[in-house]
């Protein structure tokens, strides 16, 4: 079973390198629509779930009554659970970098326009001229800036995170339920 887990880690690392190479190609990225990148998040989730599944199978095949209470097993499976979470996020890191770079570029452009509009507004005030529509333009740019700041740069949704969380927590909860059940029955 541990061989399968090592193979899953290898596939995850290879997939991460492939994703990084694909993201080096010229891409048209819309920071407001990250749904085209969600398959990367689903792939990361599937790999992490395979890892968790292997971990659960390993737990089921290796746990005997005394080993459930052994702290070393809990440390080992805690580390494996952490590796599953790391696999999930490491596989998405190249996609995150692309989305974060696009977000930074869009934020820089809108902040430059806000600065220019604010300077023009102040120049009109200093010249005691009418502000015209500059105030409305600045408000629109600030609203646009807030919308950009609110975009996600990770290609997953909350359902994916919830699935990962419960799948990583499930083995520990099942083992604790078994201990409590044996304590109450025994």
N, C-alpha and C. Protein backbone atom coordinates (compact mmCIF):
# COMPACT_ATOMS: atom_id res chain seq x y z
N UNK A 1 0.82 -1.19 0.00
CA UNK A 1 0.00 0.00 0.00
C UNK A 1 0.86 1.26 0.00
N UNK A 2 1.96 1.21 0.75
CA UNK A 2 2.83 2.38 0.77
C UNK A 2 3.49 2.60 -0.59
N UNK A 3 3.70 1.53 -1.33
CA UNK A 3 4.20 1.69 -2.70
C UNK A 3 3.22 2.45 -3.56
N UNK A 4 1.92 2.19 -3.40
CA UNK A 4 0.89 2.92 -4.13
C UNK A 4 0.89 4.39 -3.72
N UNK A 5 1.10 4.64 -2.46
CA UNK A 5 1.14 6.03 -2.00
C UNK A 5 2.35 6.77 -2.57
N UNK A 6 3.49 6.10 -2.62
CA UNK A 6 4.68 6.71 -3.22
C UNK A 6 4.45 6.97 -4.71
N UNK A 7 3.79 6.02 -5.39
CA UNK A 7 3.47 6.21 -6.80
C UNK A 7 2.52 7.40 -6.98
N UNK A 8 1.56 7.56 -6.10
CA UNK A 8 0.64 8.69 -6.17
C UNK A 8 1.38 10.01 -5.99
N UNK A 9 2.34 10.04 -5.06
CA UNK A 9 3.15 11.25 -4.89
C UNK A 9 3.94 11.54 -6.16
N UNK A 10 4.51 10.51 -6.76
CA UNK A 10 5.27 10.68 -8.00
C UNK A 10 4.37 11.24 -9.11
N UNK A 11 3.18 10.69 -9.27
CA UNK A 11 2.24 11.16 -10.30
C UNK A 11 1.85 12.61 -10.02
N UNK A 12 1.65 12.95 -8.75
CA UNK A 12 1.29 14.32 -8.41
C UNK A 12 2.40 15.29 -8.77
N UNK A 13 3.64 14.93 -8.47
CA UNK A 13 4.77 15.80 -8.79
C UNK A 13 4.96 15.93 -10.30
N UNK A 14 4.78 14.83 -11.01
CA UNK A 14 4.90 14.87 -12.47
C UNK A 14 3.79 15.73 -13.06
N UNK A 15 2.57 15.59 -12.54
CA UNK A 15 1.45 16.40 -13.00
C UNK A 15 1.67 17.87 -12.73
N UNK A 16 2.31 18.18 -11.61
CA UNK A 16 2.61 19.57 -11.28
C UNK A 16 3.59 20.15 -12.29
N UNK A 17 4.59 19.36 -12.65
CA UNK A 17 5.56 19.83 -13.66
C UNK A 17 4.89 20.02 -15.01
N UNK A 18 3.98 19.11 -15.37
CA UNK A 18 3.25 19.24 -16.64
C UNK A 18 2.37 20.48 -16.63
N UNK A 19 1.67 20.72 -15.53
CA UNK A 19 0.84 21.93 -15.44
C UNK A 19 1.70 23.19 -15.55
N UNK A 20 2.85 23.18 -14.89
CA UNK A 20 3.74 24.34 -14.96
C UNK A 20 4.19 24.58 -16.40
N UNK A 21 4.50 23.53 -17.11
CA UNK A 21 4.92 23.67 -18.50
C UNK A 21 3.78 24.18 -19.38
N UNK A 22 2.58 23.68 -19.15
CA UNK A 22 1.42 24.15 -19.92
C UNK A 22 1.14 25.63 -19.66
N UNK A 23 1.35 26.07 -18.44
CA UNK A 23 1.08 27.46 -18.10
C UNK A 23 2.15 28.41 -18.63
N UNK A 24 3.25 27.87 -19.09
CA UNK A 24 4.28 28.73 -19.70
C UNK A 24 3.91 29.10 -21.13
N UNK A 25 2.92 28.43 -21.68
CA UNK A 25 2.45 28.74 -23.03
C UNK A 25 1.63 30.03 -22.97
N UNK A 26 1.51 30.73 -24.12
CA UNK A 26 0.70 31.96 -24.11
C UNK A 26 -0.77 31.62 -23.81
N UNK A 27 -1.32 32.29 -22.82
CA UNK A 27 -2.70 32.04 -22.40
C UNK A 27 -3.47 33.35 -22.37
N UNK A 28 -4.76 33.24 -22.65
CA UNK A 28 -5.67 34.36 -22.43
C UNK A 28 -6.40 34.08 -21.13
N UNK A 29 -6.11 34.88 -20.14
CA UNK A 29 -6.66 34.65 -18.81
C UNK A 29 -7.64 35.78 -18.48
N UNK A 30 -8.85 35.39 -18.09
CA UNK A 30 -9.83 36.34 -17.59
C UNK A 30 -9.88 36.17 -16.08
N UNK A 31 -9.41 37.15 -15.36
CA UNK A 31 -9.31 37.04 -13.91
C UNK A 31 -10.68 36.89 -13.25
N UNK A 32 -11.73 37.30 -13.94
CA UNK A 32 -13.08 37.19 -13.39
C UNK A 32 -13.73 35.85 -13.70
N UNK A 33 -13.13 35.05 -14.57
CA UNK A 33 -13.69 33.74 -14.92
C UNK A 33 -12.59 32.70 -14.79
N UNK A 34 -12.49 32.11 -13.61
CA UNK A 34 -11.47 31.09 -13.36
C UNK A 34 -12.00 29.68 -13.61
N UNK A 35 -13.24 29.56 -14.05
CA UNK A 35 -13.81 28.23 -14.28
C UNK A 35 -13.01 27.40 -15.28
N UNK A 36 -12.39 27.98 -16.31
CA UNK A 36 -11.57 27.14 -17.19
C UNK A 36 -10.39 26.47 -16.48
N UNK A 37 -10.01 26.98 -15.31
CA UNK A 37 -8.90 26.41 -14.56
C UNK A 37 -9.35 25.40 -13.50
N UNK A 38 -10.64 25.27 -13.29
CA UNK A 38 -11.15 24.36 -12.27
C UNK A 38 -10.81 22.90 -12.53
N UNK A 39 -10.66 22.45 -13.78
CA UNK A 39 -10.22 21.05 -13.96
C UNK A 39 -8.88 20.76 -13.28
N UNK A 40 -8.02 21.76 -13.19
CA UNK A 40 -6.76 21.56 -12.47
C UNK A 40 -7.06 21.31 -10.99
N UNK A 41 -8.01 22.05 -10.44
CA UNK A 41 -8.41 21.84 -9.05
C UNK A 41 -9.03 20.47 -8.85
N UNK A 42 -9.87 20.04 -9.81
CA UNK A 42 -10.48 18.71 -9.70
C UNK A 42 -9.43 17.62 -9.81
N UNK A 43 -8.45 17.81 -10.70
CA UNK A 43 -7.37 16.84 -10.82
C UNK A 43 -6.60 16.75 -9.50
N UNK A 44 -6.32 17.88 -8.89
CA UNK A 44 -5.62 17.90 -7.61
C UNK A 44 -6.43 17.19 -6.55
N UNK A 45 -7.73 17.42 -6.55
CA UNK A 45 -8.60 16.77 -5.58
C UNK A 45 -8.62 15.26 -5.79
N UNK A 46 -8.69 14.83 -7.03
CA UNK A 46 -8.71 13.38 -7.31
C UNK A 46 -7.42 12.72 -6.85
N UNK A 47 -6.29 13.36 -7.13
CA UNK A 47 -5.01 12.79 -6.71
C UNK A 47 -4.94 12.73 -5.19
N UNK A 48 -5.39 13.79 -4.52
CA UNK A 48 -5.38 13.81 -3.06
C UNK A 48 -6.32 12.74 -2.50
N UNK A 49 -7.47 12.55 -3.14
CA UNK A 49 -8.41 11.52 -2.67
C UNK A 49 -7.87 10.11 -2.90
N UNK A 50 -7.14 9.91 -3.99
CA UNK A 50 -6.50 8.61 -4.20
C UNK A 50 -5.49 8.37 -3.08
N UNK A 51 -4.76 9.40 -2.75
CA UNK A 51 -3.78 9.28 -1.67
C UNK A 51 -4.47 8.96 -0.35
N UNK A 52 -5.56 9.67 -0.05
CA UNK A 52 -6.31 9.41 1.18
C UNK A 52 -6.90 8.01 1.16
N UNK A 53 -7.40 7.58 0.00
CA UNK A 53 -7.94 6.22 -0.11
C UNK A 53 -6.88 5.18 0.17
N UNK A 54 -5.67 5.38 -0.35
CA UNK A 54 -4.58 4.47 -0.05
C UNK A 54 -4.22 4.49 1.42
N UNK A 55 -4.29 5.67 2.00
CA UNK A 55 -4.01 5.79 3.42
C UNK A 55 -5.05 5.02 4.24
N UNK A 56 -6.32 5.14 3.88
CA UNK A 56 -7.38 4.44 4.60
C UNK A 56 -7.23 2.93 4.44
N UNK A 57 -6.93 2.49 3.22
CA UNK A 57 -6.72 1.05 3.01
C UNK A 57 -5.54 0.55 3.82
N UNK A 58 -4.49 1.35 3.89
CA UNK A 58 -3.34 0.98 4.72
C UNK A 58 -3.71 0.91 6.18
N UNK A 59 -4.53 1.84 6.62
CA UNK A 59 -4.98 1.82 8.02
C UNK A 59 -5.81 0.57 8.31
N UNK A 60 -6.71 0.26 7.38
CA UNK A 60 -7.58 -0.89 7.61
C UNK A 60 -6.81 -2.21 7.60
N UNK A 61 -5.80 -2.28 6.74
CA UNK A 61 -5.07 -3.54 6.64
C UNK A 61 -4.00 -3.70 7.71
N UNK A 62 -3.55 -2.59 8.30
CA UNK A 62 -2.44 -2.70 9.25
C UNK A 62 -2.86 -2.50 10.70
N UNK A 63 -4.01 -1.94 10.92
CA UNK A 63 -4.42 -1.70 12.30
C UNK A 63 -4.94 -2.96 12.95
N UNK A 64 -4.39 -3.23 14.09
CA UNK A 64 -4.93 -4.25 14.98
C UNK A 64 -5.36 -3.51 16.24
N UNK A 65 -5.97 -4.20 17.14
CA UNK A 65 -6.55 -3.54 18.30
C UNK A 65 -5.54 -2.70 19.08
N UNK A 66 -4.34 -3.22 19.28
CA UNK A 66 -3.35 -2.48 20.06
C UNK A 66 -2.74 -1.32 19.28
N UNK A 67 -2.68 -1.43 17.95
CA UNK A 67 -2.01 -0.39 17.18
C UNK A 67 -2.85 0.89 17.07
N UNK A 68 -4.14 0.82 17.31
CA UNK A 68 -4.96 2.02 17.25
C UNK A 68 -4.53 3.00 18.34
N UNK A 69 -4.14 2.51 19.46
CA UNK A 69 -3.75 3.37 20.58
C UNK A 69 -2.29 3.79 20.54
N UNK A 70 -1.51 3.23 19.62
CA UNK A 70 -0.09 3.55 19.52
C UNK A 70 0.08 4.93 18.90
N UNK A 71 0.73 5.82 19.59
CA UNK A 71 0.90 7.19 19.13
C UNK A 71 1.71 7.28 17.84
N UNK A 72 2.61 6.32 17.61
CA UNK A 72 3.43 6.36 16.40
C UNK A 72 2.57 6.20 15.15
N UNK A 73 1.55 5.36 15.21
CA UNK A 73 0.64 5.22 14.07
C UNK A 73 -0.12 6.52 13.80
N UNK A 74 -0.54 7.19 14.87
CA UNK A 74 -1.25 8.46 14.70
C UNK A 74 -0.33 9.52 14.10
N UNK A 75 0.93 9.54 14.50
CA UNK A 75 1.88 10.48 13.93
C UNK A 75 2.07 10.18 12.44
N UNK A 76 2.25 8.89 12.10
CA UNK A 76 2.44 8.50 10.71
C UNK A 76 1.24 8.90 9.86
N UNK A 77 0.04 8.61 10.31
CA UNK A 77 -1.13 8.93 9.51
C UNK A 77 -1.45 10.42 9.52
N UNK A 78 -1.03 11.14 10.53
CA UNK A 78 -1.17 12.60 10.52
C UNK A 78 -0.25 13.20 9.46
N UNK A 79 0.95 12.67 9.38
CA UNK A 79 1.89 13.13 8.35
C UNK A 79 1.34 12.80 6.96
N UNK A 80 0.79 11.61 6.80
CA UNK A 80 0.20 11.24 5.51
C UNK A 80 -0.99 12.13 5.15
N UNK A 81 -1.79 12.50 6.13
CA UNK A 81 -2.91 13.41 5.87
C UNK A 81 -2.39 14.78 5.44
N UNK A 82 -1.32 15.23 6.07
CA UNK A 82 -0.70 16.50 5.67
C UNK A 82 -0.17 16.41 4.24
N UNK A 83 0.42 15.27 3.89
CA UNK A 83 0.91 15.08 2.52
C UNK A 83 -0.25 15.15 1.52
N UNK A 84 -1.40 14.59 1.87
CA UNK A 84 -2.57 14.66 0.98
C UNK A 84 -2.98 16.11 0.74
N UNK A 85 -2.98 16.91 1.78
CA UNK A 85 -3.33 18.33 1.63
C UNK A 85 -2.26 19.04 0.80
N UNK A 86 -1.00 18.73 1.04
CA UNK A 86 0.08 19.33 0.25
C UNK A 86 -0.03 18.96 -1.22
N UNK A 87 -0.37 17.71 -1.50
CA UNK A 87 -0.55 17.27 -2.89
C UNK A 87 -1.64 18.11 -3.55
N UNK A 88 -2.73 18.33 -2.83
CA UNK A 88 -3.84 19.12 -3.36
C UNK A 88 -3.37 20.51 -3.77
N UNK A 89 -2.64 21.19 -2.89
CA UNK A 89 -2.24 22.56 -3.18
C UNK A 89 -1.02 22.66 -4.09
N UNK A 90 -0.07 21.75 -3.96
CA UNK A 90 1.13 21.81 -4.82
C UNK A 90 0.79 21.58 -6.29
N UNK A 91 -0.17 20.72 -6.55
CA UNK A 91 -0.56 20.46 -7.93
C UNK A 91 -1.20 21.69 -8.57
N UNK A 92 -1.80 22.55 -7.77
CA UNK A 92 -2.45 23.75 -8.30
C UNK A 92 -1.55 24.98 -8.29
N UNK A 93 -0.38 24.87 -7.73
CA UNK A 93 0.49 26.03 -7.59
C UNK A 93 0.83 26.72 -8.91
N UNK A 94 1.16 26.00 -9.99
CA UNK A 94 1.44 26.71 -11.25
C UNK A 94 0.22 27.49 -11.76
N UNK A 95 -0.96 26.94 -11.59
CA UNK A 95 -2.17 27.64 -12.01
C UNK A 95 -2.38 28.87 -11.13
N UNK A 96 -2.12 28.72 -9.85
CA UNK A 96 -2.24 29.86 -8.93
C UNK A 96 -1.29 30.98 -9.35
N UNK A 97 -0.08 30.62 -9.73
CA UNK A 97 0.89 31.64 -10.13
C UNK A 97 0.40 32.41 -11.36
N UNK A 98 -0.17 31.70 -12.34
CA UNK A 98 -0.68 32.36 -13.54
C UNK A 98 -1.81 33.30 -13.18
N UNK A 99 -2.75 32.82 -12.37
CA UNK A 99 -3.89 33.66 -11.99
C UNK A 99 -3.45 34.83 -11.12
N UNK A 100 -2.49 34.61 -10.22
CA UNK A 100 -2.00 35.70 -9.37
C UNK A 100 -1.27 36.76 -10.20
N UNK A 101 -0.51 36.34 -11.19
CA UNK A 101 0.19 37.30 -12.06
C UNK A 101 -0.81 38.12 -12.86
N UNK A 102 -1.86 37.48 -13.36
CA UNK A 102 -2.89 38.20 -14.11
C UNK A 102 -3.63 39.18 -13.19
N UNK A 103 -3.91 38.76 -11.97
CA UNK A 103 -4.58 39.64 -11.01
C UNK A 103 -3.70 40.85 -10.69
N UNK A 104 -2.41 40.60 -10.49
CA UNK A 104 -1.48 41.69 -10.18
C UNK A 104 -1.40 42.68 -11.34
N UNK A 105 -1.38 42.14 -12.57
CA UNK A 105 -1.33 43.00 -13.75
C UNK A 105 -2.59 43.85 -13.86
N UNK A 106 -3.75 43.24 -13.66
CA UNK A 106 -5.01 43.98 -13.74
C UNK A 106 -5.11 45.02 -12.63
N UNK A 107 -4.68 44.66 -11.42
CA UNK A 107 -4.71 45.61 -10.31
C UNK A 107 -3.78 46.79 -10.58
N UNK A 108 -2.61 46.51 -11.11
CA UNK A 108 -1.67 47.58 -11.43
C UNK A 108 -2.24 48.55 -12.44
N UNK A 109 -2.89 48.02 -13.46
CA UNK A 109 -3.46 48.88 -14.50
C UNK A 109 -4.56 49.77 -13.94
N UNK A 110 -5.45 49.18 -13.15
CA UNK A 110 -6.56 49.99 -12.61
C UNK A 110 -6.06 50.98 -11.57
N UNK A 111 -5.07 50.61 -10.78
CA UNK A 111 -4.53 51.55 -9.79
C UNK A 111 -3.81 52.72 -10.46
N UNK A 112 -3.14 52.45 -11.58
CA UNK A 112 -2.52 53.54 -12.34
C UNK A 112 -3.59 54.51 -12.86
N UNK A 113 -4.70 53.97 -13.34
CA UNK A 113 -5.78 54.84 -13.84
C UNK A 113 -6.43 55.62 -12.70
N UNK A 114 -6.57 54.99 -11.55
CA UNK A 114 -7.13 55.71 -10.40
C UNK A 114 -6.22 56.88 -10.03
N UNK A 115 -4.92 56.62 -10.02
CA UNK A 115 -3.96 57.68 -9.69
C UNK A 115 -4.04 58.83 -10.70
N UNK A 116 -4.08 58.50 -11.97
CA UNK A 116 -4.18 59.54 -13.00
C UNK A 116 -5.47 60.34 -12.85
N UNK A 117 -6.57 59.64 -12.60
CA UNK A 117 -7.86 60.33 -12.46
C UNK A 117 -7.86 61.20 -11.20
N UNK A 118 -7.28 60.72 -10.12
CA UNK A 118 -7.21 61.53 -8.90
C UNK A 118 -6.34 62.76 -9.11
N UNK A 119 -5.23 62.60 -9.80
CA UNK A 119 -4.37 63.75 -10.09
C UNK A 119 -5.09 64.76 -10.97
N UNK A 120 -5.83 64.27 -11.96
CA UNK A 120 -6.59 65.17 -12.84
C UNK A 120 -7.68 65.89 -12.04
N UNK A 121 -8.33 65.17 -11.14
CA UNK A 121 -9.37 65.78 -10.31
C UNK A 121 -8.78 66.88 -9.43
N UNK A 122 -7.65 66.61 -8.80
CA UNK A 122 -7.02 67.61 -7.95
C UNK A 122 -6.54 68.81 -8.77
N UNK A 123 -6.06 68.55 -9.98
CA UNK A 123 -5.63 69.66 -10.84
C UNK A 123 -6.82 70.55 -11.19
N UNK A 124 -7.96 69.94 -11.44
CA UNK A 124 -9.17 70.74 -11.73
C UNK A 124 -9.61 71.52 -10.50
N UNK A 125 -9.52 70.90 -9.33
CA UNK A 125 -9.88 71.62 -8.11
C UNK A 125 -8.94 72.79 -7.87
N UNK A 126 -7.64 72.56 -8.09
CA UNK A 126 -6.66 73.64 -7.91
C UNK A 126 -6.90 74.78 -8.88
N UNK A 127 -7.33 74.45 -10.10
CA UNK A 127 -7.61 75.47 -11.11
C UNK A 127 -9.02 76.04 -10.95
N UNK A 128 -9.73 75.56 -9.92
CA UNK A 128 -11.09 75.98 -9.63
C UNK A 128 -12.02 75.75 -10.83
N UNK A 129 -11.81 74.60 -11.47
CA UNK A 129 -12.67 74.20 -12.58
C UNK A 129 -13.66 73.16 -12.09
N UNK A 130 -14.63 72.88 -12.92
CA UNK A 130 -15.62 71.85 -12.59
C UNK A 130 -14.97 70.47 -12.69
N UNK A 131 -15.35 69.62 -11.76
CA UNK A 131 -14.80 68.26 -11.76
C UNK A 131 -15.38 67.43 -12.89
N UNK A 132 -16.51 67.81 -13.39
CA UNK A 132 -17.13 67.05 -14.47
C UNK A 132 -17.49 65.64 -14.02
N UNK A 133 -17.15 64.69 -14.82
CA UNK A 133 -17.48 63.29 -14.50
C UNK A 133 -16.32 62.54 -13.86
N UNK A 134 -15.27 63.26 -13.51
CA UNK A 134 -14.10 62.59 -12.94
C UNK A 134 -14.43 61.86 -11.64
N UNK A 135 -15.28 62.44 -10.80
CA UNK A 135 -15.66 61.78 -9.55
C UNK A 135 -16.35 60.44 -9.81
N UNK A 136 -17.24 60.41 -10.77
CA UNK A 136 -17.94 59.16 -11.12
C UNK A 136 -16.96 58.16 -11.71
N UNK A 137 -16.02 58.64 -12.51
CA UNK A 137 -15.02 57.74 -13.10
C UNK A 137 -14.14 57.12 -12.01
N UNK A 138 -13.75 57.95 -11.04
CA UNK A 138 -12.93 57.43 -9.94
C UNK A 138 -13.70 56.40 -9.14
N UNK A 139 -14.98 56.68 -8.86
CA UNK A 139 -15.80 55.70 -8.14
C UNK A 139 -15.92 54.39 -8.90
N UNK A 140 -16.10 54.49 -10.22
CA UNK A 140 -16.20 53.28 -11.03
C UNK A 140 -14.88 52.51 -11.01
N UNK A 141 -13.77 53.22 -11.09
CA UNK A 141 -12.46 52.56 -11.06
C UNK A 141 -12.20 51.91 -9.69
N UNK A 142 -12.60 52.57 -8.61
CA UNK A 142 -12.42 52.01 -7.28
C UNK A 142 -13.28 50.75 -7.12
N UNK A 143 -14.51 50.78 -7.63
CA UNK A 143 -15.37 49.60 -7.58
C UNK A 143 -14.77 48.45 -8.39
N UNK A 144 -14.20 48.79 -9.54
CA UNK A 144 -13.55 47.78 -10.37
C UNK A 144 -12.33 47.20 -9.65
N UNK A 145 -11.58 48.07 -8.98
CA UNK A 145 -10.41 47.62 -8.22
C UNK A 145 -10.83 46.64 -7.12
N UNK A 146 -11.90 46.96 -6.40
CA UNK A 146 -12.38 46.06 -5.35
C UNK A 146 -12.84 44.73 -5.92
N UNK A 147 -13.44 44.77 -7.09
CA UNK A 147 -13.87 43.52 -7.73
C UNK A 147 -12.66 42.67 -8.09
N UNK A 148 -11.62 43.28 -8.61
CA UNK A 148 -10.39 42.54 -8.93
C UNK A 148 -9.78 41.96 -7.66
N UNK A 149 -9.73 42.75 -6.60
CA UNK A 149 -9.14 42.29 -5.34
C UNK A 149 -9.92 41.10 -4.77
N UNK A 150 -11.21 41.03 -5.07
CA UNK A 150 -12.04 39.95 -4.55
C UNK A 150 -11.97 38.66 -5.34
N UNK A 151 -11.26 38.65 -6.45
CA UNK A 151 -11.18 37.44 -7.26
C UNK A 151 -10.22 36.44 -6.64
N UNK A 152 -10.50 35.18 -6.87
CA UNK A 152 -9.67 34.11 -6.34
C UNK A 152 -8.57 33.76 -7.34
N UNK A 153 -7.42 33.41 -6.79
CA UNK A 153 -6.32 33.00 -7.66
C UNK A 153 -6.02 31.51 -7.53
N UNK A 154 -6.92 30.80 -6.83
CA UNK A 154 -6.78 29.34 -6.70
C UNK A 154 -7.90 28.68 -7.47
N UNK A 155 -7.59 27.66 -8.26
CA UNK A 155 -8.62 27.05 -9.12
C UNK A 155 -9.44 25.97 -8.41
N UNK A 156 -10.13 26.34 -7.36
CA UNK A 156 -11.02 25.40 -6.70
C UNK A 156 -12.20 26.17 -6.14
N UNK A 157 -13.21 25.43 -5.76
CA UNK A 157 -14.36 26.04 -5.11
C UNK A 157 -14.50 25.44 -3.71
N UNK A 158 -15.45 25.92 -2.96
CA UNK A 158 -15.58 25.46 -1.57
C UNK A 158 -15.99 23.99 -1.49
N UNK A 159 -16.70 23.50 -2.50
CA UNK A 159 -17.08 22.08 -2.48
C UNK A 159 -15.84 21.19 -2.54
N UNK A 160 -14.85 21.59 -3.33
CA UNK A 160 -13.61 20.82 -3.40
C UNK A 160 -12.89 20.82 -2.06
N UNK A 161 -12.83 21.99 -1.42
CA UNK A 161 -12.17 22.07 -0.12
C UNK A 161 -12.92 21.25 0.93
N UNK A 162 -14.23 21.30 0.90
CA UNK A 162 -15.04 20.54 1.85
C UNK A 162 -14.80 19.04 1.66
N UNK A 163 -14.76 18.59 0.40
CA UNK A 163 -14.50 17.19 0.11
C UNK A 163 -13.13 16.77 0.63
N UNK A 164 -12.13 17.58 0.37
CA UNK A 164 -10.77 17.27 0.85
C UNK A 164 -10.74 17.23 2.38
N UNK A 165 -11.35 18.21 3.01
CA UNK A 165 -11.33 18.28 4.47
C UNK A 165 -11.96 17.03 5.08
N UNK A 166 -13.15 16.67 4.61
CA UNK A 166 -13.83 15.52 5.20
C UNK A 166 -13.14 14.20 4.86
N UNK A 167 -12.54 14.12 3.70
CA UNK A 167 -11.85 12.87 3.36
C UNK A 167 -10.57 12.70 4.16
N UNK A 168 -9.92 13.79 4.54
CA UNK A 168 -8.71 13.70 5.35
C UNK A 168 -9.08 13.45 6.81
N UNK A 169 -10.17 14.04 7.26
CA UNK A 169 -10.59 13.88 8.65
C UNK A 169 -11.26 12.52 8.89
N UNK A 170 -11.90 11.96 7.86
CA UNK A 170 -12.67 10.72 8.03
C UNK A 170 -11.89 9.57 8.64
N UNK A 171 -10.66 9.27 8.19
CA UNK A 171 -9.94 8.14 8.80
C UNK A 171 -9.74 8.30 10.31
N UNK A 172 -9.41 9.50 10.75
CA UNK A 172 -9.22 9.72 12.18
C UNK A 172 -10.53 9.57 12.94
N UNK A 173 -11.60 10.10 12.38
CA UNK A 173 -12.91 9.99 13.04
C UNK A 173 -13.35 8.53 13.11
N UNK A 174 -13.12 7.77 12.03
CA UNK A 174 -13.49 6.36 12.03
C UNK A 174 -12.70 5.58 13.08
N UNK A 175 -11.40 5.86 13.19
CA UNK A 175 -10.58 5.17 14.18
C UNK A 175 -11.01 5.54 15.60
N UNK A 176 -11.31 6.81 15.83
CA UNK A 176 -11.77 7.23 17.16
C UNK A 176 -13.13 6.62 17.48
N UNK A 177 -14.01 6.54 16.49
CA UNK A 177 -15.31 5.91 16.72
C UNK A 177 -15.14 4.44 17.08
N UNK A 178 -14.17 3.79 16.45
CA UNK A 178 -13.90 2.38 16.76
C UNK A 178 -13.41 2.24 18.20
N UNK A 179 -12.51 3.14 18.62
CA UNK A 179 -11.99 3.10 19.99
C UNK A 179 -13.12 3.33 20.99
N UNK A 180 -13.93 4.33 20.73
CA UNK A 180 -15.05 4.63 21.64
C UNK A 180 -16.05 3.49 21.68
N UNK A 181 -16.34 2.91 20.50
CA UNK A 181 -17.25 1.78 20.43
C UNK A 181 -16.74 0.57 21.22
N UNK A 182 -15.46 0.27 21.08
CA UNK A 182 -14.88 -0.84 21.83
C UNK A 182 -14.86 -0.56 23.32
N UNK A 183 -14.64 0.70 23.70
CA UNK A 183 -14.63 1.07 25.11
C UNK A 183 -16.02 0.93 25.73
N UNK A 184 -17.04 1.38 24.96
CA UNK A 184 -18.41 1.32 25.48
C UNK A 184 -18.94 -0.10 25.52
N UNK A 185 -18.60 -0.93 24.52
CA UNK A 185 -19.06 -2.31 24.47
C UNK A 185 -18.26 -3.18 25.42
N UNK A 186 -16.97 -2.94 25.47
CA UNK A 186 -16.05 -3.80 26.24
C UNK A 186 -16.05 -3.47 27.66
